[in-house]
Amino acid sequence: ERRGAESAAGAADGTPQRAGYRHLI
């Protein structure tokens, strides 16, 4: 839950996020 919240917060403030295989596919 915390990782998901941080990821959402990072996406909201424009911080680059680490891409996963889902994004690659």
PDBML (XML) file of the C-alpha atoms, coordinates in Angstrom:
<?xml version="1.0" encoding="UTF-8" ?>
<PDBx:datablock datablockName="MODEL"
   xmlns:PDBx="http://pdbml.pdb.org/schema/pdbx-v50.xsd"
   xmlns:xsi="http://www.w3.org/2001/XMLSchema-instance"
   xsi:schemaLocation="http://pdbml.pdb.org/schema/pdbx-v50.xsd pdbx-v50.xsd">
   <PDBx:atom_siteCategory>
      <PDBx:atom_site id="1">
         <PDBx:B_iso_or_equiv>0.00</PDBx:B_iso_or_equiv>
         <PDBx:Cartn_x>0.000</PDBx:Cartn_x>
         <PDBx:Cartn_y>0.000</PDBx:Cartn_y>
         <PDBx:Cartn_z>0.000</PDBx:Cartn_z>
         <PDBx:auth_asym_id>A</PDBx:auth_asym_id>
         <PDBx:auth_atom_id>CA</PDBx:auth_atom_id>
         <PDBx:auth_comp_id>GLU</PDBx:auth_comp_id>
         <PDBx:auth_seq_id>1</PDBx:auth_seq_id>
         <PDBx:group_PDB>ATOM</PDBx:group_PDB>
         <PDBx:label_alt_id xsi:nil="true" />
         <PDBx:label_asym_id>A</PDBx:label_asym_id>
         <PDBx:label_atom_id>CA</PDBx:label_atom_id>
         <PDBx:label_comp_id>GLU</PDBx:label_comp_id>
         <PDBx:label_entity_id>1</PDBx:label_entity_id>
         <PDBx:label_seq_id>1</PDBx:label_seq_id>
         <PDBx:occupancy>1.00</PDBx:occupancy>
         <PDBx:pdbx_PDB_model_num>1</PDBx:pdbx_PDB_model_num>
         <PDBx:type_symbol>C</PDBx:type_symbol>
      </PDBx:atom_site>
      <PDBx:atom_site id="2">
         <PDBx:B_iso_or_equiv>0.00</PDBx:B_iso_or_equiv>
         <PDBx:Cartn_x>2.810</PDBx:Cartn_x>
         <PDBx:Cartn_y>2.392</PDBx:Cartn_y>
         <PDBx:Cartn_z>0.855</PDBx:Cartn_z>
         <PDBx:auth_asym_id>A</PDBx:auth_asym_id>
         <PDBx:auth_atom_id>CA</PDBx:auth_atom_id>
         <PDBx:auth_comp_id>ARG</PDBx:auth_comp_id>
         <PDBx:auth_seq_id>2</PDBx:auth_seq_id>
         <PDBx:group_PDB>ATOM</PDBx:group_PDB>
         <PDBx:label_alt_id xsi:nil="true" />
         <PDBx:label_asym_id>A</PDBx:label_asym_id>
         <PDBx:label_atom_id>CA</PDBx:label_atom_id>
         <PDBx:label_comp_id>ARG</PDBx:label_comp_id>
         <PDBx:label_entity_id>1</PDBx:label_entity_id>
         <PDBx:label_seq_id>2</PDBx:label_seq_id>
         <PDBx:occupancy>1.00</PDBx:occupancy>
         <PDBx:pdbx_PDB_model_num>1</PDBx:pdbx_PDB_model_num>
         <PDBx:type_symbol>C</PDBx:type_symbol>
      </PDBx:atom_site>
      <PDBx:atom_site id="3">
         <PDBx:B_iso_or_equiv>0.00</PDBx:B_iso_or_equiv>
         <PDBx:Cartn_x>4.676</PDBx:Cartn_x>
         <PDBx:Cartn_y>1.675</PDBx:Cartn_y>
         <PDBx:Cartn_z>-2.372</PDBx:Cartn_z>
         <PDBx:auth_asym_id>A</PDBx:auth_asym_id>
         <PDBx:auth_atom_id>CA</PDBx:auth_atom_id>
         <PDBx:auth_comp_id>ARG</PDBx:auth_comp_id>
         <PDBx:auth_seq_id>3</PDBx:auth_seq_id>
         <PDBx:group_PDB>ATOM</PDBx:group_PDB>
         <PDBx:label_alt_id xsi:nil="true" />
         <PDBx:label_asym_id>A</PDBx:label_asym_id>
         <PDBx:label_atom_id>CA</PDBx:label_atom_id>
         <PDBx:label_comp_id>ARG</PDBx:label_comp_id>
         <PDBx:label_entity_id>1</PDBx:label_entity_id>
         <PDBx:label_seq_id>3</PDBx:label_seq_id>
         <PDBx:occupancy>1.00</PDBx:occupancy>
         <PDBx:pdbx_PDB_model_num>1</PDBx:pdbx_PDB_model_num>
         <PDBx:type_symbol>C</PDBx:type_symbol>
      </PDBx:atom_site>
      <PDBx:atom_site id="4">
         <PDBx:B_iso_or_equiv>0.00</PDBx:B_iso_or_equiv>
         <PDBx:Cartn_x>1.485</PDBx:Cartn_x>
         <PDBx:Cartn_y>2.245</PDBx:Cartn_y>
         <PDBx:Cartn_z>-4.326</PDBx:Cartn_z>
         <PDBx:auth_asym_id>A</PDBx:auth_asym_id>
         <PDBx:auth_atom_id>CA</PDBx:auth_atom_id>
         <PDBx:auth_comp_id>GLY</PDBx:auth_comp_id>
         <PDBx:auth_seq_id>4</PDBx:auth_seq_id>
         <PDBx:group_PDB>ATOM</PDBx:group_PDB>
         <PDBx:label_alt_id xsi:nil="true" />
         <PDBx:label_asym_id>A</PDBx:label_asym_id>
         <PDBx:label_atom_id>CA</PDBx:label_atom_id>
         <PDBx:label_comp_id>GLY</PDBx:label_comp_id>
         <PDBx:label_entity_id>1</PDBx:label_entity_id>
         <PDBx:label_seq_id>4</PDBx:label_seq_id>
         <PDBx:occupancy>1.00</PDBx:occupancy>
         <PDBx:pdbx_PDB_model_num>1</PDBx:pdbx_PDB_model_num>
         <PDBx:type_symbol>C</PDBx:type_symbol>
      </PDBx:atom_site>
      <PDBx:atom_site id="5">
         <PDBx:B_iso_or_equiv>0.00</PDBx:B_iso_or_equiv>
         <PDBx:Cartn_x>0.819</PDBx:Cartn_x>
         <PDBx:Cartn_y>5.515</PDBx:Cartn_y>
         <PDBx:Cartn_z>-2.516</PDBx:Cartn_z>
         <PDBx:auth_asym_id>A</PDBx:auth_asym_id>
         <PDBx:auth_atom_id>CA</PDBx:auth_atom_id>
         <PDBx:auth_comp_id>ALA</PDBx:auth_comp_id>
         <PDBx:auth_seq_id>5</PDBx:auth_seq_id>
         <PDBx:group_PDB>ATOM</PDBx:group_PDB>
         <PDBx:label_alt_id xsi:nil="true" />
         <PDBx:label_asym_id>A</PDBx:label_asym_id>
         <PDBx:label_atom_id>CA</PDBx:label_atom_id>
         <PDBx:label_comp_id>ALA</PDBx:label_comp_id>
         <PDBx:label_entity_id>1</PDBx:label_entity_id>
         <PDBx:label_seq_id>5</PDBx:label_seq_id>
         <PDBx:occupancy>1.00</PDBx:occupancy>
         <PDBx:pdbx_PDB_model_num>1</PDBx:pdbx_PDB_model_num>
         <PDBx:type_symbol>C</PDBx:type_symbol>
      </PDBx:atom_site>
      <PDBx:atom_site id="6">
         <PDBx:B_iso_or_equiv>0.00</PDBx:B_iso_or_equiv>
         <PDBx:Cartn_x>4.368</PDBx:Cartn_x>
         <PDBx:Cartn_y>6.740</PDBx:Cartn_y>
         <PDBx:Cartn_z>-3.166</PDBx:Cartn_z>
         <PDBx:auth_asym_id>A</PDBx:auth_asym_id>
         <PDBx:auth_atom_id>CA</PDBx:auth_atom_id>
         <PDBx:auth_comp_id>GLU</PDBx:auth_comp_id>
         <PDBx:auth_seq_id>6</PDBx:auth_seq_id>
         <PDBx:group_PDB>ATOM</PDBx:group_PDB>
         <PDBx:label_alt_id xsi:nil="true" />
         <PDBx:label_asym_id>A</PDBx:label_asym_id>
         <PDBx:label_atom_id>CA</PDBx:label_atom_id>
         <PDBx:label_comp_id>GLU</PDBx:label_comp_id>
         <PDBx:label_entity_id>1</PDBx:label_entity_id>
         <PDBx:label_seq_id>6</PDBx:label_seq_id>
         <PDBx:occupancy>1.00</PDBx:occupancy>
         <PDBx:pdbx_PDB_model_num>1</PDBx:pdbx_PDB_model_num>
         <PDBx:type_symbol>C</PDBx:type_symbol>
      </PDBx:atom_site>
      <PDBx:atom_site id="7">
         <PDBx:B_iso_or_equiv>0.00</PDBx:B_iso_or_equiv>
         <PDBx:Cartn_x>4.115</PDBx:Cartn_x>
         <PDBx:Cartn_y>5.748</PDBx:Cartn_y>
         <PDBx:Cartn_z>-6.809</PDBx:Cartn_z>
         <PDBx:auth_asym_id>A</PDBx:auth_asym_id>
         <PDBx:auth_atom_id>CA</PDBx:auth_atom_id>
         <PDBx:auth_comp_id>SER</PDBx:auth_comp_id>
         <PDBx:auth_seq_id>7</PDBx:auth_seq_id>
         <PDBx:group_PDB>ATOM</PDBx:group_PDB>
         <PDBx:label_alt_id xsi:nil="true" />
         <PDBx:label_asym_id>A</PDBx:label_asym_id>
         <PDBx:label_atom_id>CA</PDBx:label_atom_id>
         <PDBx:label_comp_id>SER</PDBx:label_comp_id>
         <PDBx:label_entity_id>1</PDBx:label_entity_id>
         <PDBx:label_seq_id>7</PDBx:label_seq_id>
         <PDBx:occupancy>1.00</PDBx:occupancy>
         <PDBx:pdbx_PDB_model_num>1</PDBx:pdbx_PDB_model_num>
         <PDBx:type_symbol>C</PDBx:type_symbol>
      </PDBx:atom_site>
      <PDBx:atom_site id="8">
         <PDBx:B_iso_or_equiv>0.00</PDBx:B_iso_or_equiv>
         <PDBx:Cartn_x>0.855</PDBx:Cartn_x>
         <PDBx:Cartn_y>7.662</PDBx:Cartn_y>
         <PDBx:Cartn_z>-7.175</PDBx:Cartn_z>
         <PDBx:auth_asym_id>A</PDBx:auth_asym_id>
         <PDBx:auth_atom_id>CA</PDBx:auth_atom_id>
         <PDBx:auth_comp_id>ALA</PDBx:auth_comp_id>
         <PDBx:auth_seq_id>8</PDBx:auth_seq_id>
         <PDBx:group_PDB>ATOM</PDBx:group_PDB>
         <PDBx:label_alt_id xsi:nil="true" />
         <PDBx:label_asym_id>A</PDBx:label_asym_id>
         <PDBx:label_atom_id>CA</PDBx:label_atom_id>
         <PDBx:label_comp_id>ALA</PDBx:label_comp_id>
         <PDBx:label_entity_id>1</PDBx:label_entity_id>
         <PDBx:label_seq_id>8</PDBx:label_seq_id>
         <PDBx:occupancy>1.00</PDBx:occupancy>
         <PDBx:pdbx_PDB_model_num>1</PDBx:pdbx_PDB_model_num>
         <PDBx:type_symbol>C</PDBx:type_symbol>
      </PDBx:atom_site>
      <PDBx:atom_site id="9">
         <PDBx:B_iso_or_equiv>0.00</PDBx:B_iso_or_equiv>
         <PDBx:Cartn_x>2.361</PDBx:Cartn_x>
         <PDBx:Cartn_y>10.676</PDBx:Cartn_y>
         <PDBx:Cartn_z>-5.415</PDBx:Cartn_z>
         <PDBx:auth_asym_id>A</PDBx:auth_asym_id>
         <PDBx:auth_atom_id>CA</PDBx:auth_atom_id>
         <PDBx:auth_comp_id>ALA</PDBx:auth_comp_id>
         <PDBx:auth_seq_id>9</PDBx:auth_seq_id>
         <PDBx:group_PDB>ATOM</PDBx:group_PDB>
         <PDBx:label_alt_id xsi:nil="true" />
         <PDBx:label_asym_id>A</PDBx:label_asym_id>
         <PDBx:label_atom_id>CA</PDBx:label_atom_id>
         <PDBx:label_comp_id>ALA</PDBx:label_comp_id>
         <PDBx:label_entity_id>1</PDBx:label_entity_id>
         <PDBx:label_seq_id>9</PDBx:label_seq_id>
         <PDBx:occupancy>1.00</PDBx:occupancy>
         <PDBx:pdbx_PDB_model_num>1</PDBx:pdbx_PDB_model_num>
         <PDBx:type_symbol>C</PDBx:type_symbol>
      </PDBx:atom_site>
      <PDBx:atom_site id="10">
         <PDBx:B_iso_or_equiv>0.00</PDBx:B_iso_or_equiv>
         <PDBx:Cartn_x>5.410</PDBx:Cartn_x>
         <PDBx:Cartn_y>10.558</PDBx:Cartn_y>
         <PDBx:Cartn_z>-7.649</PDBx:Cartn_z>
         <PDBx:auth_asym_id>A</PDBx:auth_asym_id>
         <PDBx:auth_atom_id>CA</PDBx:auth_atom_id>
         <PDBx:auth_comp_id>GLY</PDBx:auth_comp_id>
         <PDBx:auth_seq_id>10</PDBx:auth_seq_id>
         <PDBx:group_PDB>ATOM</PDBx:group_PDB>
         <PDBx:label_alt_id xsi:nil="true" />
         <PDBx:label_asym_id>A</PDBx:label_asym_id>
         <PDBx:label_atom_id>CA</PDBx:label_atom_id>
         <PDBx:label_comp_id>GLY</PDBx:label_comp_id>
         <PDBx:label_entity_id>1</PDBx:label_entity_id>
         <PDBx:label_seq_id>10</PDBx:label_seq_id>
         <PDBx:occupancy>1.00</PDBx:occupancy>
         <PDBx:pdbx_PDB_model_num>1</PDBx:pdbx_PDB_model_num>
         <PDBx:type_symbol>C</PDBx:type_symbol>
      </PDBx:atom_site>
      <PDBx:atom_site id="11">
         <PDBx:B_iso_or_equiv>0.00</PDBx:B_iso_or_equiv>
         <PDBx:Cartn_x>3.239</PDBx:Cartn_x>
         <PDBx:Cartn_y>10.398</PDBx:Cartn_y>
         <PDBx:Cartn_z>-10.758</PDBx:Cartn_z>
         <PDBx:auth_asym_id>A</PDBx:auth_asym_id>
         <PDBx:auth_atom_id>CA</PDBx:auth_atom_id>
         <PDBx:auth_comp_id>ALA</PDBx:auth_comp_id>
         <PDBx:auth_seq_id>11</PDBx:auth_seq_id>
         <PDBx:group_PDB>ATOM</PDBx:group_PDB>
         <PDBx:label_alt_id xsi:nil="true" />
         <PDBx:label_asym_id>A</PDBx:label_asym_id>
         <PDBx:label_atom_id>CA</PDBx:label_atom_id>
         <PDBx:label_comp_id>ALA</PDBx:label_comp_id>
         <PDBx:label_entity_id>1</PDBx:label_entity_id>
         <PDBx:label_seq_id>11</PDBx:label_seq_id>
         <PDBx:occupancy>1.00</PDBx:occupancy>
         <PDBx:pdbx_PDB_model_num>1</PDBx:pdbx_PDB_model_num>
         <PDBx:type_symbol>C</PDBx:type_symbol>
      </PDBx:atom_site>
      <PDBx:atom_site id="12">
         <PDBx:B_iso_or_equiv>0.00</PDBx:B_iso_or_equiv>
         <PDBx:Cartn_x>1.229</PDBx:Cartn_x>
         <PDBx:Cartn_y>13.372</PDBx:Cartn_y>
         <PDBx:Cartn_z>-9.502</PDBx:Cartn_z>
         <PDBx:auth_asym_id>A</PDBx:auth_asym_id>
         <PDBx:auth_atom_id>CA</PDBx:auth_atom_id>
         <PDBx:auth_comp_id>ALA</PDBx:auth_comp_id>
         <PDBx:auth_seq_id>12</PDBx:auth_seq_id>
         <PDBx:group_PDB>ATOM</PDBx:group_PDB>
         <PDBx:label_alt_id xsi:nil="true" />
         <PDBx:label_asym_id>A</PDBx:label_asym_id>
         <PDBx:label_atom_id>CA</PDBx:label_atom_id>
         <PDBx:label_comp_id>ALA</PDBx:label_comp_id>
         <PDBx:label_entity_id>1</PDBx:label_entity_id>
         <PDBx:label_seq_id>12</PDBx:label_seq_id>
         <PDBx:occupancy>1.00</PDBx:occupancy>
         <PDBx:pdbx_PDB_model_num>1</PDBx:pdbx_PDB_model_num>
         <PDBx:type_symbol>C</PDBx:type_symbol>
      </PDBx:atom_site>
      <PDBx:atom_site id="13">
         <PDBx:B_iso_or_equiv>0.00</PDBx:B_iso_or_equiv>
         <PDBx:Cartn_x>4.216</PDBx:Cartn_x>
         <PDBx:Cartn_y>15.663</PDBx:Cartn_y>
         <PDBx:Cartn_z>-8.917</PDBx:Cartn_z>
         <PDBx:auth_asym_id>A</PDBx:auth_asym_id>
         <PDBx:auth_atom_id>CA</PDBx:auth_atom_id>
         <PDBx:auth_comp_id>ASP</PDBx:auth_comp_id>
         <PDBx:auth_seq_id>13</PDBx:auth_seq_id>
         <PDBx:group_PDB>ATOM</PDBx:group_PDB>
         <PDBx:label_alt_id xsi:nil="true" />
         <PDBx:label_asym_id>A</PDBx:label_asym_id>
         <PDBx:label_atom_id>CA</PDBx:label_atom_id>
         <PDBx:label_comp_id>ASP</PDBx:label_comp_id>
         <PDBx:label_entity_id>1</PDBx:label_entity_id>
         <PDBx:label_seq_id>13</PDBx:label_seq_id>
         <PDBx:occupancy>1.00</PDBx:occupancy>
         <PDBx:pdbx_PDB_model_num>1</PDBx:pdbx_PDB_model_num>
         <PDBx:type_symbol>C</PDBx:type_symbol>
      </PDBx:atom_site>
      <PDBx:atom_site id="14">
         <PDBx:B_iso_or_equiv>0.00</PDBx:B_iso_or_equiv>
         <PDBx:Cartn_x>5.948</PDBx:Cartn_x>
         <PDBx:Cartn_y>14.712</PDBx:Cartn_y>
         <PDBx:Cartn_z>-12.179</PDBx:Cartn_z>
         <PDBx:auth_asym_id>A</PDBx:auth_asym_id>
         <PDBx:auth_atom_id>CA</PDBx:auth_atom_id>
         <PDBx:auth_comp_id>GLY</PDBx:auth_comp_id>
         <PDBx:auth_seq_id>14</PDBx:auth_seq_id>
         <PDBx:group_PDB>ATOM</PDBx:group_PDB>
         <PDBx:label_alt_id xsi:nil="true" />
         <PDBx:label_asym_id>A</PDBx:label_asym_id>
         <PDBx:label_atom_id>CA</PDBx:label_atom_id>
         <PDBx:label_comp_id>GLY</PDBx:label_comp_id>
         <PDBx:label_entity_id>1</PDBx:label_entity_id>
         <PDBx:label_seq_id>14</PDBx:label_seq_id>
         <PDBx:occupancy>1.00</PDBx:occupancy>
         <PDBx:pdbx_PDB_model_num>1</PDBx:pdbx_PDB_model_num>
         <PDBx:type_symbol>C</PDBx:type_symbol>
      </PDBx:atom_site>
      <PDBx:atom_site id="15">
         <PDBx:B_iso_or_equiv>0.00</PDBx:B_iso_or_equiv>
         <PDBx:Cartn_x>8.765</PDBx:Cartn_x>
         <PDBx:Cartn_y>12.659</PDBx:Cartn_y>
         <PDBx:Cartn_z>-10.632</PDBx:Cartn_z>
         <PDBx:auth_asym_id>A</PDBx:auth_asym_id>
         <PDBx:auth_atom_id>CA</PDBx:auth_atom_id>
         <PDBx:auth_comp_id>THR</PDBx:auth_comp_id>
         <PDBx:auth_seq_id>15</PDBx:auth_seq_id>
         <PDBx:group_PDB>ATOM</PDBx:group_PDB>
         <PDBx:label_alt_id xsi:nil="true" />
         <PDBx:label_asym_id>A</PDBx:label_asym_id>
         <PDBx:label_atom_id>CA</PDBx:label_atom_id>
         <PDBx:label_comp_id>THR</PDBx:label_comp_id>
         <PDBx:label_entity_id>1</PDBx:label_entity_id>
         <PDBx:label_seq_id>15</PDBx:label_seq_id>
         <PDBx:occupancy>1.00</PDBx:occupancy>
         <PDBx:pdbx_PDB_model_num>1</PDBx:pdbx_PDB_model_num>
         <PDBx:type_symbol>C</PDBx:type_symbol>
      </PDBx:atom_site>
      <PDBx:atom_site id="16">
         <PDBx:B_iso_or_equiv>0.00</PDBx:B_iso_or_equiv>
         <PDBx:Cartn_x>10.034</PDBx:Cartn_x>
         <PDBx:Cartn_y>9.997</PDBx:Cartn_y>
         <PDBx:Cartn_z>-13.096</PDBx:Cartn_z>
         <PDBx:auth_asym_id>A</PDBx:auth_asym_id>
         <PDBx:auth_atom_id>CA</PDBx:auth_atom_id>
         <PDBx:auth_comp_id>PRO</PDBx:auth_comp_id>
         <PDBx:auth_seq_id>16</PDBx:auth_seq_id>
         <PDBx:group_PDB>ATOM</PDBx:group_PDB>
         <PDBx:label_alt_id xsi:nil="true" />
         <PDBx:label_asym_id>A</PDBx:label_asym_id>
         <PDBx:label_atom_id>CA</PDBx:label_atom_id>
         <PDBx:label_comp_id>PRO</PDBx:label_comp_id>
         <PDBx:label_entity_id>1</PDBx:label_entity_id>
         <PDBx:label_seq_id>16</PDBx:label_seq_id>
         <PDBx:occupancy>1.00</PDBx:occupancy>
         <PDBx:pdbx_PDB_model_num>1</PDBx:pdbx_PDB_model_num>
         <PDBx:type_symbol>C</PDBx:type_symbol>
      </PDBx:atom_site>
      <PDBx:atom_site id="17">
         <PDBx:B_iso_or_equiv>0.00</PDBx:B_iso_or_equiv>
         <PDBx:Cartn_x>8.846</PDBx:Cartn_x>
         <PDBx:Cartn_y>6.533</PDBx:Cartn_y>
         <PDBx:Cartn_z>-12.151</PDBx:Cartn_z>
         <PDBx:auth_asym_id>A</PDBx:auth_asym_id>
         <PDBx:auth_atom_id>CA</PDBx:auth_atom_id>
         <PDBx:auth_comp_id>GLN</PDBx:auth_comp_id>
         <PDBx:auth_seq_id>17</PDBx:auth_seq_id>
         <PDBx:group_PDB>ATOM</PDBx:group_PDB>
         <PDBx:label_alt_id xsi:nil="true" />
         <PDBx:label_asym_id>A</PDBx:label_asym_id>
         <PDBx:label_atom_id>CA</PDBx:label_atom_id>
         <PDBx:label_comp_id>GLN</PDBx:label_comp_id>
         <PDBx:label_entity_id>1</PDBx:label_entity_id>
         <PDBx:label_seq_id>17</PDBx:label_seq_id>
         <PDBx:occupancy>1.00</PDBx:occupancy>
         <PDBx:pdbx_PDB_model_num>1</PDBx:pdbx_PDB_model_num>
         <PDBx:type_symbol>C</PDBx:type_symbol>
      </PDBx:atom_site>
      <PDBx:atom_site id="18">
         <PDBx:B_iso_or_equiv>0.00</PDBx:B_iso_or_equiv>
         <PDBx:Cartn_x>10.618</PDBx:Cartn_x>
         <PDBx:Cartn_y>3.234</PDBx:Cartn_y>
         <PDBx:Cartn_z>-12.747</PDBx:Cartn_z>
         <PDBx:auth_asym_id>A</PDBx:auth_asym_id>
         <PDBx:auth_atom_id>CA</PDBx:auth_atom_id>
         <PDBx:auth_comp_id>ARG</PDBx:auth_comp_id>
         <PDBx:auth_seq_id>18</PDBx:auth_seq_id>
         <PDBx:group_PDB>ATOM</PDBx:group_PDB>
         <PDBx:label_alt_id xsi:nil="true" />
         <PDBx:label_asym_id>A</PDBx:label_asym_id>
         <PDBx:label_atom_id>CA</PDBx:label_atom_id>
         <PDBx:label_comp_id>ARG</PDBx:label_comp_id>
         <PDBx:label_entity_id>1</PDBx:label_entity_id>
         <PDBx:label_seq_id>18</PDBx:label_seq_id>
         <PDBx:occupancy>1.00</PDBx:occupancy>
         <PDBx:pdbx_PDB_model_num>1</PDBx:pdbx_PDB_model_num>
         <PDBx:type_symbol>C</PDBx:type_symbol>
      </PDBx:atom_site>
      <PDBx:atom_site id="19">
         <PDBx:B_iso_or_equiv>0.00</PDBx:B_iso_or_equiv>
         <PDBx:Cartn_x>9.034</PDBx:Cartn_x>
         <PDBx:Cartn_y>1.441</PDBx:Cartn_y>
         <PDBx:Cartn_z>-15.691</PDBx:Cartn_z>
         <PDBx:auth_asym_id>A</PDBx:auth_asym_id>
         <PDBx:auth_atom_id>CA</PDBx:auth_atom_id>
         <PDBx:auth_comp_id>ALA</PDBx:auth_comp_id>
         <PDBx:auth_seq_id>19</PDBx:auth_seq_id>
         <PDBx:group_PDB>ATOM</PDBx:group_PDB>
         <PDBx:label_alt_id xsi:nil="true" />
         <PDBx:label_asym_id>A</PDBx:label_asym_id>
         <PDBx:label_atom_id>CA</PDBx:label_atom_id>
         <PDBx:label_comp_id>ALA</PDBx:label_comp_id>
         <PDBx:label_entity_id>1</PDBx:label_entity_id>
         <PDBx:label_seq_id>19</PDBx:label_seq_id>
         <PDBx:occupancy>1.00</PDBx:occupancy>
         <PDBx:pdbx_PDB_model_num>1</PDBx:pdbx_PDB_model_num>
         <PDBx:type_symbol>C</PDBx:type_symbol>
      </PDBx:atom_site>
      <PDBx:atom_site id="20">
         <PDBx:B_iso_or_equiv>0.00</PDBx:B_iso_or_equiv>
         <PDBx:Cartn_x>8.019</PDBx:Cartn_x>
         <PDBx:Cartn_y>-2.182</PDBx:Cartn_y>
         <PDBx:Cartn_z>-15.308</PDBx:Cartn_z>
         <PDBx:auth_asym_id>A</PDBx:auth_asym_id>
         <PDBx:auth_atom_id>CA</PDBx:auth_atom_id>
         <PDBx:auth_comp_id>GLY</PDBx:auth_comp_id>
         <PDBx:auth_seq_id>20</PDBx:auth_seq_id>
         <PDBx:group_PDB>ATOM</PDBx:group_PDB>
         <PDBx:label_alt_id xsi:nil="true" />
         <PDBx:label_asym_id>A</PDBx:label_asym_id>
         <PDBx:label_atom_id>CA</PDBx:label_atom_id>
         <PDBx:label_comp_id>GLY</PDBx:label_comp_id>
         <PDBx:label_entity_id>1</PDBx:label_entity_id>
         <PDBx:label_seq_id>20</PDBx:label_seq_id>
         <PDBx:occupancy>1.00</PDBx:occupancy>
         <PDBx:pdbx_PDB_model_num>1</PDBx:pdbx_PDB_model_num>
         <PDBx:type_symbol>C</PDBx:type_symbol>
      </PDBx:atom_site>
      <PDBx:atom_site id="21">
         <PDBx:B_iso_or_equiv>0.00</PDBx:B_iso_or_equiv>
         <PDBx:Cartn_x>7.518</PDBx:Cartn_x>
         <PDBx:Cartn_y>-5.008</PDBx:Cartn_y>
         <PDBx:Cartn_z>-17.766</PDBx:Cartn_z>
         <PDBx:auth_asym_id>A</PDBx:auth_asym_id>
         <PDBx:auth_atom_id>CA</PDBx:auth_atom_id>
         <PDBx:auth_comp_id>TYR</PDBx:auth_comp_id>
         <PDBx:auth_seq_id>21</PDBx:auth_seq_id>
         <PDBx:group_PDB>ATOM</PDBx:group_PDB>
         <PDBx:label_alt_id xsi:nil="true" />
         <PDBx:label_asym_id>A</PDBx:label_asym_id>
         <PDBx:label_atom_id>CA</PDBx:label_atom_id>
         <PDBx:label_comp_id>TYR</PDBx:label_comp_id>
         <PDBx:label_entity_id>1</PDBx:label_entity_id>
         <PDBx:label_seq_id>21</PDBx:label_seq_id>
         <PDBx:occupancy>1.00</PDBx:occupancy>
         <PDBx:pdbx_PDB_model_num>1</PDBx:pdbx_PDB_model_num>
         <PDBx:type_symbol>C</PDBx:type_symbol>
      </PDBx:atom_site>
      <PDBx:atom_site id="22">
         <PDBx:B_iso_or_equiv>0.00</PDBx:B_iso_or_equiv>
         <PDBx:Cartn_x>3.864</PDBx:Cartn_x>
         <PDBx:Cartn_y>-4.038</PDBx:Cartn_y>
         <PDBx:Cartn_z>-17.997</PDBx:Cartn_z>
         <PDBx:auth_asym_id>A</PDBx:auth_asym_id>
         <PDBx:auth_atom_id>CA</PDBx:auth_atom_id>
         <PDBx:auth_comp_id>ARG</PDBx:auth_comp_id>
         <PDBx:auth_seq_id>22</PDBx:auth_seq_id>
         <PDBx:group_PDB>ATOM</PDBx:group_PDB>
         <PDBx:label_alt_id xsi:nil="true" />
         <PDBx:label_asym_id>A</PDBx:label_asym_id>
         <PDBx:label_atom_id>CA</PDBx:label_atom_id>
         <PDBx:label_comp_id>ARG</PDBx:label_comp_id>
         <PDBx:label_entity_id>1</PDBx:label_entity_id>
         <PDBx:label_seq_id>22</PDBx:label_seq_id>
         <PDBx:occupancy>1.00</PDBx:occupancy>
         <PDBx:pdbx_PDB_model_num>1</PDBx:pdbx_PDB_model_num>
         <PDBx:type_symbol>C</PDBx:type_symbol>
      </PDBx:atom_site>
      <PDBx:atom_site id="23">
         <PDBx:B_iso_or_equiv>0.00</PDBx:B_iso_or_equiv>
         <PDBx:Cartn_x>4.902</PDBx:Cartn_x>
         <PDBx:Cartn_y>-0.706</PDBx:Cartn_y>
         <PDBx:Cartn_z>-19.474</PDBx:Cartn_z>
         <PDBx:auth_asym_id>A</PDBx:auth_asym_id>
         <PDBx:auth_atom_id>CA</PDBx:auth_atom_id>
         <PDBx:auth_comp_id>HIS</PDBx:auth_comp_id>
         <PDBx:auth_seq_id>23</PDBx:auth_seq_id>
         <PDBx:group_PDB>ATOM</PDBx:group_PDB>
         <PDBx:label_alt_id xsi:nil="true" />
         <PDBx:label_asym_id>A</PDBx:label_asym_id>
         <PDBx:label_atom_id>CA</PDBx:label_atom_id>
         <PDBx:label_comp_id>HIS</PDBx:label_comp_id>
         <PDBx:label_entity_id>1</PDBx:label_entity_id>
         <PDBx:label_seq_id>23</PDBx:label_seq_id>
         <PDBx:occupancy>1.00</PDBx:occupancy>
         <PDBx:pdbx_PDB_model_num>1</PDBx:pdbx_PDB_model_num>
         <PDBx:type_symbol>C</PDBx:type_symbol>
      </PDBx:atom_site>
      <PDBx:atom_site id="24">
         <PDBx:B_iso_or_equiv>0.00</PDBx:B_iso_or_equiv>
         <PDBx:Cartn_x>7.361</PDBx:Cartn_x>
         <PDBx:Cartn_y>-2.406</PDBx:Cartn_y>
         <PDBx:Cartn_z>-21.814</PDBx:Cartn_z>
         <PDBx:auth_asym_id>A</PDBx:auth_asym_id>
         <PDBx:auth_atom_id>CA</PDBx:auth_atom_id>
         <PDBx:auth_comp_id>LEU</PDBx:auth_comp_id>
         <PDBx:auth_seq_id>24</PDBx:auth_seq_id>
         <PDBx:group_PDB>ATOM</PDBx:group_PDB>
         <PDBx:label_alt_id xsi:nil="true" />
         <PDBx:label_asym_id>A</PDBx:label_asym_id>
         <PDBx:label_atom_id>CA</PDBx:label_atom_id>
         <PDBx:label_comp_id>LEU</PDBx:label_comp_id>
         <PDBx:label_entity_id>1</PDBx:label_entity_id>
         <PDBx:label_seq_id>24</PDBx:label_seq_id>
         <PDBx:occupancy>1.00</PDBx:occupancy>
         <PDBx:pdbx_PDB_model_num>1</PDBx:pdbx_PDB_model_num>
         <PDBx:type_symbol>C</PDBx:type_symbol>
      </PDBx:atom_site>
      <PDBx:atom_site id="25">
         <PDBx:B_iso_or_equiv>0.00</PDBx:B_iso_or_equiv>
         <PDBx:Cartn_x>4.740</PDBx:Cartn_x>
         <PDBx:Cartn_y>-4.840</PDBx:Cartn_y>
         <PDBx:Cartn_z>-23.118</PDBx:Cartn_z>
         <PDBx:auth_asym_id>A</PDBx:auth_asym_id>
         <PDBx:auth_atom_id>CA</PDBx:auth_atom_id>
         <PDBx:auth_comp_id>ILE</PDBx:auth_comp_id>
         <PDBx:auth_seq_id>25</PDBx:auth_seq_id>
         <PDBx:group_PDB>ATOM</PDBx:group_PDB>
         <PDBx:label_alt_id xsi:nil="true" />
         <PDBx:label_asym_id>A</PDBx:label_asym_id>
         <PDBx:label_atom_id>CA</PDBx:label_atom_id>
         <PDBx:label_comp_id>ILE</PDBx:label_comp_id>
         <PDBx:label_entity_id>1</PDBx:label_entity_id>
         <PDBx:label_seq_id>25</PDBx:label_seq_id>
         <PDBx:occupancy>1.00</PDBx:occupancy>
         <PDBx:pdbx_PDB_model_num>1</PDBx:pdbx_PDB_model_num>
         <PDBx:type_symbol>C</PDBx:type_symbol>
      </PDBx:atom_site>
   </PDBx:atom_siteCategory>
</PDBx:datablock>
